[in-house]
Amino acid sequence: MNSIISIATTILGNEKAMGIYEIHEQSPNNLGFHRYQIIHVIRGDRIAEFRRDMGLARNFVKVRQLRIPSYMEHTVDELIALADELRYDQEQDESTLREIMGLHQK
């Protein structure tokens, strides 16, 4: 059975979050793709989604899309700071992949 995610219209910086995502999606008015910062928090006993429109996706061409799970270990402010730090870090994925695969740069 599919479940519907509730909408959070406000979030607090010090509340725990399930995760943060920055992805490119079609805008609701179908005027092109936008980058959205999506934060999942708990409201009652359900996951709720807070979305922030970050602007046109074409302004983020060389910027990675992010998916950072937290599982209630980090606050909203901590996750936003982590996303801000990783958003433009193009080397992180490659070095992490190399480490996982046991490859070393020569």
PDB file of N, CA and C in Angstrom:
ATOM      1  N   MET A   1       0.843  -1.175   0.000  1.00  0.00           N
ATOM      2  CA  MET A   1       0.000   0.000   0.000  1.00  0.00           C
ATOM      3  C   MET A   1       0.887   1.236   0.000  1.00  0.00           C
ATOM      4  N   ASN A   2       0.566   2.183  -0.832  1.00  0.00           N
ATOM      5  CA  ASN A   2       1.294   3.441  -0.899  1.00  0.00           C
ATOM      6  C   ASN A   2       0.810   4.372   0.198  1.00  0.00           C
ATOM      7  N   SER A   3       1.726   5.186   0.711  1.00  0.00           N
ATOM      8  CA  SER A   3       1.328   6.169   1.707  1.00  0.00           C
ATOM      9  C   SER A   3       1.596   7.565   1.161  1.00  0.00           C
ATOM     10  N   ILE A   4       0.830   8.501   1.636  1.00  0.00           N
ATOM     11  CA  ILE A   4       0.965   9.887   1.211  1.00  0.00           C
ATOM     12  C   ILE A   4       1.821  10.615   2.233  1.00  0.00           C
ATOM     13  N   ILE A   5       2.780  11.390   1.745  1.00  0.00           N
ATOM     14  CA  ILE A   5       3.625  12.176   2.633  1.00  0.00           C
ATOM     15  C   ILE A   5       2.941  13.503   2.901  1.00  0.00           C
ATOM     16  N   SER A   6       2.876  13.851   4.162  1.00  0.00           N
ATOM     17  CA  SER A   6       2.281  15.135   4.550  1.00  0.00           C
ATOM     18  C   SER A   6       3.214  16.275   4.180  1.00  0.00           C
ATOM     19  N   ILE A   7       2.649  17.478   4.103  1.00  0.00           N
ATOM     20  CA  ILE A   7       3.426  18.677   3.805  1.00  0.00           C
ATOM     21  C   ILE A   7       3.700  19.436   5.103  1.00  0.00           C
ATOM     22  N   ALA A   8       4.937  19.841   5.280  1.00  0.00           N
ATOM     23  CA  ALA A   8       5.305  20.701   6.409  1.00  0.00           C
ATOM     24  C   ALA A   8       5.463  22.111   5.851  1.00  0.00           C
ATOM     25  N   THR A   9       4.688  23.045   6.359  1.00  0.00           N
ATOM     26  CA  THR A   9       4.780  24.420   5.863  1.00  0.00           C
ATOM     27  C   THR A   9       5.874  25.206   6.569  1.00  0.00           C
ATOM     28  N   THR A  10       6.274  24.750   7.737  1.00  0.00           N
ATOM     29  CA  THR A  10       7.378  25.376   8.472  1.00  0.00           C
ATOM     30  C   THR A  10       8.221  24.287   9.119  1.00  0.00           C
ATOM     31  N   ILE A  11       9.476  24.586   9.312  1.00  0.00           N
ATOM     32  CA  ILE A  11      10.376  23.698  10.046  1.00  0.00           C
ATOM     33  C   ILE A  11      11.228  24.551  10.972  1.00  0.00           C
ATOM     34  N   LEU A  12      11.759  23.923  11.993  1.00  0.00           N
ATOM     35  CA  LEU A  12      12.645  24.602  12.939  1.00  0.00           C
ATOM     36  C   LEU A  12      14.056  24.083  12.758  1.00  0.00           C
ATOM     37  N   GLY A  13      15.018  24.963  12.887  1.00  0.00           N
ATOM     38  CA  GLY A  13      16.404  24.582  12.703  1.00  0.00           C
ATOM     39  C   GLY A  13      16.888  23.540  13.689  1.00  0.00           C
ATOM     40  N   ASN A  14      16.309  23.519  14.877  1.00  0.00           N
ATOM     41  CA  ASN A  14      16.792  22.600  15.906  1.00  0.00           C
ATOM     42  C   ASN A  14      16.011  21.289  15.965  1.00  0.00           C
ATOM     43  N   GLU A  15      15.055  21.086  15.043  1.00  0.00           N
ATOM     44  CA  GLU A  15      14.324  19.816  15.072  1.00  0.00           C
ATOM     45  C   GLU A  15      15.070  18.755  14.281  1.00  0.00           C
ATOM     46  N   LYS A  16      14.948  17.523  14.719  1.00  0.00           N
ATOM     47  CA  LYS A  16      15.591  16.403  14.050  1.00  0.00           C
ATOM     48  C   LYS A  16      14.908  16.132  12.715  1.00  0.00           C
ATOM     49  N   ALA A  17      15.681  15.623  11.773  1.00  0.00           N
ATOM     50  CA  ALA A  17      15.152  15.376  10.433  1.00  0.00           C
ATOM     51  C   ALA A  17      15.523  13.972   9.965  1.00  0.00           C
ATOM     52  N   MET A  18      14.717  13.463   9.055  1.00  0.00           N
ATOM     53  CA  MET A  18      14.967  12.150   8.457  1.00  0.00           C
ATOM     54  C   MET A  18      16.000  12.236   7.334  1.00  0.00           C
ATOM     55  N   GLY A  19      16.085  13.395   6.691  1.00  0.00           N
ATOM     56  CA  GLY A  19      17.052  13.547   5.609  1.00  0.00           C
ATOM     57  C   GLY A  19      16.831  14.824   4.831  1.00  0.00           C
ATOM     58  N   ILE A  20      17.793  15.125   3.980  1.00  0.00           N
ATOM     59  CA  ILE A  20      17.711  16.297   3.122  1.00  0.00           C
ATOM     60  C   ILE A  20      18.097  15.869   1.712  1.00  0.00           C
ATOM     61  N   TYR A  21      17.413  16.443   0.742  1.00  0.00           N
ATOM     62  CA  TYR A  21      17.629  16.106  -0.657  1.00  0.00           C
ATOM     63  C   TYR A  21      17.631  17.398  -1.456  1.00  0.00           C
ATOM     64  N   GLU A  22      18.501  17.479  -2.438  1.00  0.00           N
ATOM     65  CA  GLU A  22      18.478  18.590  -3.391  1.00  0.00           C
ATOM     66  C   GLU A  22      18.440  17.965  -4.767  1.00  0.00           C
ATOM     67  N   ILE A  23      17.297  18.127  -5.426  1.00  0.00           N
ATOM     68  CA  ILE A  23      17.076  17.478  -6.706  1.00  0.00           C
ATOM     69  C   ILE A  23      16.435  18.437  -7.692  1.00  0.00           C
ATOM     70  N   HIS A  24      16.546  18.089  -8.964  1.00  0.00           N
ATOM     71  CA  HIS A  24      15.938  18.884 -10.032  1.00  0.00           C
ATOM     72  C   HIS A  24      14.620  18.214 -10.416  1.00  0.00           C
ATOM     73  N   GLU A  25      13.546  19.003 -10.397  1.00  0.00           N
ATOM     74  CA  GLU A  25      12.225  18.510 -10.767  1.00  0.00           C
ATOM     75  C   GLU A  25      11.486  19.569 -11.571  1.00  0.00           C
ATOM     76  N   GLN A  26      10.518  19.102 -12.322  1.00  0.00           N
ATOM     77  CA  GLN A  26       9.650  20.011 -13.064  1.00  0.00           C
ATOM     78  C   GLN A  26       8.921  20.913 -12.073  1.00  0.00           C
ATOM     79  N   SER A  27       8.865  22.198 -12.357  1.00  0.00           N
ATOM     80  CA  SER A  27       8.156  23.125 -11.471  1.00  0.00           C
ATOM     81  C   SER A  27       6.654  22.879 -11.565  1.00  0.00           C
ATOM     82  N   PRO A  28       5.907  23.205 -10.521  1.00  0.00           N
ATOM     83  CA  PRO A  28       4.458  22.960 -10.531  1.00  0.00           C
ATOM     84  C   PRO A  28       3.724  23.655 -11.674  1.00  0.00           C
ATOM     85  N   ASN A  29       4.236  24.787 -12.133  1.00  0.00           N
ATOM     86  CA  ASN A  29       3.564  25.512 -13.216  1.00  0.00           C
ATOM     87  C   ASN A  29       4.075  25.101 -14.609  1.00  0.00           C
ATOM     88  N   ASN A  30       4.883  24.050 -14.653  1.00  0.00           N
ATOM     89  CA  ASN A  30       5.419  23.512 -15.913  1.00  0.00           C
ATOM     90  C   ASN A  30       6.223  24.529 -16.715  1.00  0.00           C
ATOM     91  N   LEU A  31       6.921  25.424 -16.029  1.00  0.00           N
ATOM     92  CA  LEU A  31       7.752  26.417 -16.712  1.00  0.00           C
ATOM     93  C   LEU A  31       9.232  26.059 -16.629  1.00  0.00           C
ATOM     94  N   GLY A  32       9.542  24.792 -16.632  1.00  0.00           N
ATOM     95  CA  GLY A  32      10.926  24.366 -16.602  1.00  0.00           C
ATOM     96  C   GLY A  32      11.288  23.666 -15.306  1.00  0.00           C
ATOM     97  N   PHE A  33      12.510  23.161 -15.290  1.00  0.00           N
ATOM     98  CA  PHE A  33      12.988  22.451 -14.120  1.00  0.00           C
ATOM     99  C   PHE A  33      13.590  23.415 -13.111  1.00  0.00           C
ATOM    100  N   HIS A  34      13.330  23.136 -11.848  1.00  0.00           N
ATOM    101  CA  HIS A  34      13.884  23.902 -10.737  1.00  0.00           C
ATOM    102  C   HIS A  34      14.644  22.949  -9.830  1.00  0.00           C
ATOM    103  N   ARG A  35      15.534  23.509  -9.040  1.00  0.00           N
ATOM    104  CA  ARG A  35      16.207  22.727  -8.000  1.00  0.00           C
ATOM    105  C   ARG A  35      15.421  22.939  -6.719  1.00  0.00           C
ATOM    106  N   TYR A  36      15.118  21.840  -6.050  1.00  0.00           N
ATOM    107  CA  TYR A  36      14.371  21.896  -4.799  1.00  0.00           C
ATOM    108  C   TYR A  36      15.196  21.296  -3.679  1.00  0.00           C
ATOM    109  N   GLN A  37      15.170  21.959  -2.534  1.00  0.00           N
ATOM    110  CA  GLN A  37      15.743  21.398  -1.319  1.00  0.00           C
ATOM    111  C   GLN A  37      14.568  20.819  -0.542  1.00  0.00           C
ATOM    112  N   ILE A  38      14.610  19.529  -0.304  1.00  0.00           N
ATOM    113  CA  ILE A  38      13.524  18.813   0.348  1.00  0.00           C
ATOM    114  C   ILE A  38      14.035  18.265   1.665  1.00  0.00           C
ATOM    115  N   ILE A  39      13.335  18.586   2.735  1.00  0.00           N
ATOM    116  CA  ILE A  39      13.722  18.125   4.061  1.00  0.00           C
ATOM    117  C   ILE A  39      12.563  17.329   4.631  1.00  0.00           C
ATOM    118  N   HIS A  40      12.852  16.107   5.077  1.00  0.00           N
ATOM    119  CA  HIS A  40      11.832  15.266   5.695  1.00  0.00           C
ATOM    120  C   HIS A  40      11.960  15.343   7.214  1.00  0.00           C
ATOM    121  N   VAL A  41      10.863  15.711   7.860  1.00  0.00           N
ATOM    122  CA  VAL A  41      10.771  15.787   9.317  1.00  0.00           C
ATOM    123  C   VAL A  41       9.585  14.937   9.768  1.00  0.00           C
ATOM    124  N   ILE A  42       9.435  14.780  11.059  1.00  0.00           N
ATOM    125  CA  ILE A  42       8.320  14.011  11.598  1.00  0.00           C
ATOM    126  C   ILE A  42       7.263  14.970  12.143  1.00  0.00           C
ATOM    127  N   ARG A  43       6.024  14.738  11.740  1.00  0.00           N
ATOM    128  CA  ARG A  43       4.866  15.479  12.247  1.00  0.00           C
ATOM    129  C   ARG A  43       3.882  14.445  12.775  1.00  0.00           C
ATOM    130  N   GLY A  44       3.720  14.420  14.088  1.00  0.00           N
ATOM    131  CA  GLY A  44       2.892  13.385  14.695  1.00  0.00           C
ATOM    132  C   GLY A  44       3.636  12.059  14.580  1.00  0.00           C
ATOM    133  N   ASP A  45       3.061  11.113  13.896  1.00  0.00           N
ATOM    134  CA  ASP A  45       3.723   9.827  13.691  1.00  0.00           C
ATOM    135  C   ASP A  45       4.015   9.575  12.216  1.00  0.00           C
ATOM    136  N   ARG A  46       4.064  10.650  11.414  1.00  0.00           N
ATOM    137  CA  ARG A  46       4.267  10.521   9.972  1.00  0.00           C
ATOM    138  C   ARG A  46       5.399  11.408   9.477  1.00  0.00           C
ATOM    139  N   ILE A  47       5.958  11.016   8.364  1.00  0.00           N
ATOM    140  CA  ILE A  47       6.971  11.844   7.710  1.00  0.00           C
ATOM    141  C   ILE A  47       6.265  12.983   6.984  1.00  0.00           C
ATOM    142  N   ALA A  48       6.810  14.174   7.149  1.00  0.00           N
ATOM    143  CA  ALA A  48       6.292  15.356   6.454  1.00  0.00           C
ATOM    144  C   ALA A  48       7.424  15.950   5.628  1.00  0.00           C
ATOM    145  N   GLU A  49       7.057  16.533   4.499  1.00  0.00           N
ATOM    146  CA  GLU A  49       8.036  17.070   3.562  1.00  0.00           C
ATOM    147  C   GLU A  49       7.956  18.585   3.510  1.00  0.00           C
ATOM    148  N   PHE A  50       9.115  19.217   3.669  1.00  0.00           N
ATOM    149  CA  PHE A  50       9.249  20.662   3.510  1.00  0.00           C
ATOM    150  C   PHE A  50      10.065  20.891   2.248  1.00  0.00           C
ATOM    151  N   ARG A  51       9.583  21.744   1.362  1.00  0.00           N
ATOM    152  CA  ARG A  51      10.283  22.038   0.103  1.00  0.00           C
ATOM    153  C   ARG A  51      10.645  23.506   0.010  1.00  0.00           C
ATOM    154  N   ARG A  52      11.859  23.734  -0.475  1.00  0.00           N
ATOM    155  CA  ARG A  52      12.295  25.099  -0.751  1.00  0.00           C
ATOM    156  C   ARG A  52      12.757  25.142  -2.199  1.00  0.00           C
ATOM    157  N   ASP A  53      12.170  26.032  -2.979  1.00  0.00           N
ATOM    158  CA  ASP A  53      12.550  26.210  -4.371  1.00  0.00           C
ATOM    159  C   ASP A  53      13.851  27.011  -4.402  1.00  0.00           C
ATOM    160  N   MET A  54      14.898  26.426  -4.955  1.00  0.00           N
ATOM    161  CA  MET A  54      16.207  27.071  -4.993  1.00  0.00           C
ATOM    162  C   MET A  54      16.444  27.817  -6.308  1.00  0.00           C
ATOM    163  N   GLY A  55      15.478  27.755  -7.211  1.00  0.00           N
ATOM    164  CA  GLY A  55      15.609  28.473  -8.471  1.00  0.00           C
ATOM    165  C   GLY A  55      15.731  27.525  -9.647  1.00  0.00           C
ATOM    166  N   LEU A  56      16.001  28.088 -10.799  1.00  0.00           N
ATOM    167  CA  LEU A  56      16.094  27.318 -12.036  1.00  0.00           C
ATOM    168  C   LEU A  56      17.235  26.308 -11.983  1.00  0.00           C
ATOM    169  N   ALA A  57      16.951  25.100 -12.448  1.00  0.00           N
ATOM    170  CA  ALA A  57      17.954  24.036 -12.446  1.00  0.00           C
ATOM    171  C   ALA A  57      19.157  24.399 -13.310  1.00  0.00           C
ATOM    172  N   ARG A  58      18.942  25.201 -14.352  1.00  0.00           N
ATOM    173  CA  ARG A  58      20.072  25.559 -15.234  1.00  0.00           C
ATOM    174  C   ARG A  58      21.124  26.394 -14.497  1.00  0.00           C
ATOM    175  N   ASN A  59      20.781  26.959 -13.350  1.00  0.00           N
ATOM    176  CA  ASN A  59      21.760  27.687 -12.541  1.00  0.00           C
ATOM    177  C   ASN A  59      22.618  26.735 -11.706  1.00  0.00           C
ATOM    178  N   PHE A  60      22.306  25.438 -11.755  1.00  0.00           N
ATOM    179  CA  PHE A  60      23.019  24.432 -10.976  1.00  0.00           C
ATOM    180  C   PHE A  60      23.549  23.324 -11.890  1.00  0.00           C
ATOM    181  N   VAL A  61      23.989  23.693 -13.089  1.00  0.00           N
ATOM    182  CA  VAL A  61      24.394  22.704 -14.093  1.00  0.00           C
ATOM    183  C   VAL A  61      25.549  21.834 -13.600  1.00  0.00           C
ATOM    184  N   LYS A  62      26.569  22.406 -13.038  1.00  0.00           N
ATOM    185  CA  LYS A  62      27.731  21.631 -12.602  1.00  0.00           C
ATOM    186  C   LYS A  62      27.688  21.345 -11.108  1.00  0.00           C
ATOM    187  N   VAL A  63      26.489  21.327 -10.560  1.00  0.00           N
ATOM    188  CA  VAL A  63      26.308  21.103  -9.131  1.00  0.00           C
ATOM    189  C   VAL A  63      25.614  19.767  -8.935  1.00  0.00           C
ATOM    190  N   ARG A  64      26.127  18.987  -8.030  1.00  0.00           N
ATOM    191  CA  ARG A  64      25.570  17.662  -7.798  1.00  0.00           C
ATOM    192  C   ARG A  64      24.196  17.727  -7.152  1.00  0.00           C
ATOM    193  N   GLN A  65      23.389  16.731  -7.428  1.00  0.00           N
ATOM    194  CA  GLN A  65      22.139  16.552  -6.707  1.00  0.00           C
ATOM    195  C   GLN A  65      22.485  15.741  -5.461  1.00  0.00           C
ATOM    196  N   LEU A  66      21.849  16.062  -4.351  1.00  0.00           N
ATOM    197  CA  LEU A  66      22.214  15.460  -3.068  1.00  0.00           C
ATOM    198  C   LEU A  66      21.093  14.627  -2.478  1.00  0.00           C
ATOM    199  N   ARG A  67      21.484  13.585  -1.792  1.00  0.00           N
ATOM    200  CA  ARG A  67      20.571  12.782  -0.974  1.00  0.00           C
ATOM    201  C   ARG A  67      21.342  12.409   0.279  1.00  0.00           C
ATOM    202  N   ILE A  68      20.985  13.037   1.391  1.00  0.00           N
ATOM    203  CA  ILE A  68      21.703  12.821   2.645  1.00  0.00           C
ATOM    204  C   ILE A  68      20.723  12.288   3.686  1.00  0.00           C
ATOM    205  N   PRO A  69      20.770  10.998   3.981  1.00  0.00           N
ATOM    206  CA  PRO A  69      19.881  10.471   5.018  1.00  0.00           C
ATOM    207  C   PRO A  69      20.391  10.855   6.400  1.00  0.00           C
ATOM    208  N   SER A  70      19.487  10.963   7.351  1.00  0.00           N
ATOM    209  CA  SER A  70      19.866  11.320   8.716  1.00  0.00           C
ATOM    210  C   SER A  70      19.233  10.391   9.746  1.00  0.00           C
ATOM    211  N   TYR A  71      18.022   9.927   9.474  1.00  0.00           N
ATOM    212  CA  TYR A  71      17.305   9.029  10.378  1.00  0.00           C
ATOM    213  C   TYR A  71      17.204   9.585  11.791  1.00  0.00           C
ATOM    214  N   MET A  72      16.908  10.888  11.865  1.00  0.00           N
ATOM    215  CA  MET A  72      16.685  11.589  13.132  1.00  0.00           C
ATOM    216  C   MET A  72      17.954  11.769  13.977  1.00  0.00           C
ATOM    217  N   GLU A  73      19.112  11.635  13.375  1.00  0.00           N
ATOM    218  CA  GLU A  73      20.363  11.829  14.108  1.00  0.00           C
ATOM    219  C   GLU A  73      20.852  13.269  14.039  1.00  0.00           C
ATOM    220  N   HIS A  74      20.422  14.026  13.017  1.00  0.00           N
ATOM    221  CA  HIS A  74      20.886  15.395  12.830  1.00  0.00           C
ATOM    222  C   HIS A  74      19.713  16.353  12.769  1.00  0.00           C
ATOM    223  N   THR A  75      19.990  17.599  13.101  1.00  0.00           N
ATOM    224  CA  THR A  75      18.945  18.617  13.047  1.00  0.00           C
ATOM    225  C   THR A  75      18.837  19.184  11.631  1.00  0.00           C
ATOM    226  N   VAL A  76      17.775  19.914  11.414  1.00  0.00           N
ATOM    227  CA  VAL A  76      17.567  20.590  10.137  1.00  0.00           C
ATOM    228  C   VAL A  76      18.756  21.501   9.830  1.00  0.00           C
ATOM    229  N   ASP A  77      19.171  22.311  10.791  1.00  0.00           N
ATOM    230  CA  ASP A  77      20.308  23.227  10.570  1.00  0.00           C
ATOM    231  C   ASP A  77      21.585  22.470  10.223  1.00  0.00           C
ATOM    232  N   GLU A  78      21.841  21.350  10.897  1.00  0.00           N
ATOM    233  CA  GLU A  78      23.041  20.561  10.607  1.00  0.00           C
ATOM    234  C   GLU A  78      23.001  20.005   9.185  1.00  0.00           C
ATOM    235  N   LEU A  79      21.840  19.527   8.774  1.00  0.00           N
ATOM    236  CA  LEU A  79      21.721  18.973   7.428  1.00  0.00           C
ATOM    237  C   LEU A  79      21.845  20.044   6.354  1.00  0.00           C
ATOM    238  N   ILE A  80      21.272  21.221   6.602  1.00  0.00           N
ATOM    239  CA  ILE A  80      21.407  22.321   5.641  1.00  0.00           C
ATOM    240  C   ILE A  80      22.870  22.730   5.518  1.00  0.00           C
ATOM    241  N   ALA A  81      23.584  22.799   6.635  1.00  0.00           N
ATOM    242  CA  ALA A  81      25.013  23.149   6.596  1.00  0.00           C
ATOM    243  C   ALA A  81      25.807  22.092   5.830  1.00  0.00           C
ATOM    244  N   LEU A  82      25.474  20.823   6.037  1.00  0.00           N
ATOM    245  CA  LEU A  82      26.164  19.756   5.323  1.00  0.00           C
ATOM    246  C   LEU A  82      25.877  19.830   3.821  1.00  0.00           C
ATOM    247  N   ALA A  83      24.629  20.082   3.456  1.00  0.00           N
ATOM    248  CA  ALA A  83      24.273  20.237   2.040  1.00  0.00           C
ATOM    249  C   ALA A  83      25.006  21.426   1.427  1.00  0.00           C
ATOM    250  N   ASP A  84      25.087  22.536   2.152  1.00  0.00           N
ATOM    251  CA  ASP A  84      25.807  23.712   1.657  1.00  0.00           C
ATOM    252  C   ASP A  84      27.280  23.378   1.413  1.00  0.00           C
ATOM    253  N   GLU A  85      27.858  22.570   2.279  1.00  0.00           N
ATOM    254  CA  GLU A  85      29.265  22.198   2.159  1.00  0.00           C
ATOM    255  C   GLU A  85      29.500  21.233   0.993  1.00  0.00           C
ATOM    256  N   LEU A  86      28.600  20.277   0.808  1.00  0.00           N
ATOM    257  CA  LEU A  86      28.805  19.239  -0.200  1.00  0.00           C
ATOM    258  C   LEU A  86      28.309  19.620  -1.592  1.00  0.00           C
ATOM    259  N   ARG A  87      27.454  20.592  -1.688  1.00  0.00           N
ATOM    260  CA  ARG A  87      26.814  20.945  -2.958  1.00  0.00           C
ATOM    261  C   ARG A  87      27.827  21.180  -4.080  1.00  0.00           C
ATOM    262  N   TYR A  88      28.898  21.878  -3.817  1.00  0.00           N
ATOM    263  CA  TYR A  88      29.870  22.227  -4.847  1.00  0.00           C
ATOM    264  C   TYR A  88      31.141  21.385  -4.783  1.00  0.00           C
ATOM    265  N   ASP A  89      31.165  20.387  -3.912  1.00  0.00           N
ATOM    266  CA  ASP A  89      32.338  19.532  -3.742  1.00  0.00           C
ATOM    267  C   ASP A  89      32.300  18.406  -4.762  1.00  0.00           C
ATOM    268  N   GLN A  90      32.885  18.640  -5.923  1.00  0.00           N
ATOM    269  CA  GLN A  90      32.849  17.667  -7.010  1.00  0.00           C
ATOM    270  C   GLN A  90      33.808  16.502  -6.798  1.00  0.00           C
ATOM    271  N   GLU A  91      34.781  16.634  -5.928  1.00  0.00           N
ATOM    272  CA  GLU A  91      35.784  15.588  -5.738  1.00  0.00           C
ATOM    273  C   GLU A  91      35.356  14.544  -4.716  1.00  0.00           C
ATOM    274  N   GLN A  92      34.384  14.861  -3.891  1.00  0.00           N
ATOM    275  CA  GLN A  92      33.991  13.943  -2.823  1.00  0.00           C
ATOM    276  C   GLN A  92      33.567  12.584  -3.352  1.00  0.00           C
ATOM    277  N   ASP A  93      32.697  12.544  -4.330  1.00  0.00           N
ATOM    278  CA  ASP A  93      32.226  11.271  -4.852  1.00  0.00           C
ATOM    279  C   ASP A  93      33.355  10.443  -5.445  1.00  0.00           C
ATOM    280  N   GLU A  94      34.204  11.087  -6.224  1.00  0.00           N
ATOM    281  CA  GLU A  94      35.281  10.353  -6.877  1.00  0.00           C
ATOM    282  C   GLU A  94      36.248   9.775  -5.857  1.00  0.00           C
ATOM    283  N   SER A  95      36.647  10.555  -4.872  1.00  0.00           N
ATOM    284  CA  SER A  95      37.600  10.047  -3.884  1.00  0.00           C
ATOM    285  C   SER A  95      36.970   8.962  -3.018  1.00  0.00           C
ATOM    286  N   THR A  96      35.706   9.135  -2.684  1.00  0.00           N
ATOM    287  CA  THR A  96      35.023   8.115  -1.896  1.00  0.00           C
ATOM    288  C   THR A  96      34.905   6.829  -2.694  1.00  0.00           C
ATOM    289  N   LEU A  97      34.542   6.950  -3.962  1.00  0.00           N
ATOM    290  CA  LEU A  97      34.438   5.780  -4.817  1.00  0.00           C
ATOM    291  C   LEU A  97      35.782   5.083  -4.941  1.00  0.00           C
ATOM    292  N   ARG A  98      36.836   5.854  -5.141  1.00  0.00           N
ATOM    293  CA  ARG A  98      38.176   5.264  -5.237  1.00  0.00           C
ATOM    294  C   ARG A  98      38.543   4.523  -3.957  1.00  0.00           C
ATOM    295  N   GLU A  99      38.205   5.098  -2.814  1.00  0.00           N
ATOM    296  CA  GLU A  99      38.520   4.468  -1.533  1.00  0.00           C
ATOM    297  C   GLU A  99      37.741   3.161  -1.378  1.00  0.00           C
ATOM    298  N   ILE A 100      36.473   3.198  -1.711  1.00  0.00           N
ATOM    299  CA  ILE A 100      35.647   1.998  -1.597  1.00  0.00           C
ATOM    300  C   ILE A 100      36.157   0.898  -2.512  1.00  0.00           C
ATOM    301  N   MET A 101      36.590   1.283  -3.720  1.00  0.00           N
ATOM    302  CA  MET A 101      37.046   0.294  -4.697  1.00  0.00           C
ATOM    303  C   MET A 101      38.500  -0.111  -4.465  1.00  0.00           C
ATOM    304  N   GLY A 102      39.175   0.519  -3.526  1.00  0.00           N
ATOM    305  CA  GLY A 102      40.568   0.177  -3.247  1.00  0.00           C
ATOM    306  C   GLY A 102      41.536   0.745  -4.257  1.00  0.00           C
ATOM    307  N   LEU A 103      41.119   1.755  -5.014  1.00  0.00           N
ATOM    308  CA  LEU A 103      42.009   2.371  -5.999  1.00  0.00           C
ATOM    309  C   LEU A 103      42.740   3.546  -5.370  1.00  0.00           C
ATOM    310  N   HIS A 104      43.940   3.770  -5.783  1.00  0.00           N
ATOM    311  CA  HIS A 104      44.725   4.888  -5.264  1.00  0.00           C
ATOM    312  C   HIS A 104      45.203   5.720  -6.432  1.00  0.00           C
ATOM    313  N   GLN A 105      45.199   7.031  -6.247  1.00  0.00           N
ATOM    314  CA  GLN A 105      45.704   7.913  -7.301  1.00  0.00           C
ATOM    315  C   GLN A 105      47.208   7.779  -7.387  1.00  0.00           C
ATOM    316  N   LYS A 106      47.694   7.822  -8.629  1.00  0.00           N
ATOM    317  CA  LYS A 106      49.147   7.729  -8.860  1.00  0.00           C
ATOM    318  C   LYS A 106      49.718   9.085  -9.072  1.00  0.00           C
TER     319      LYS A 106
END
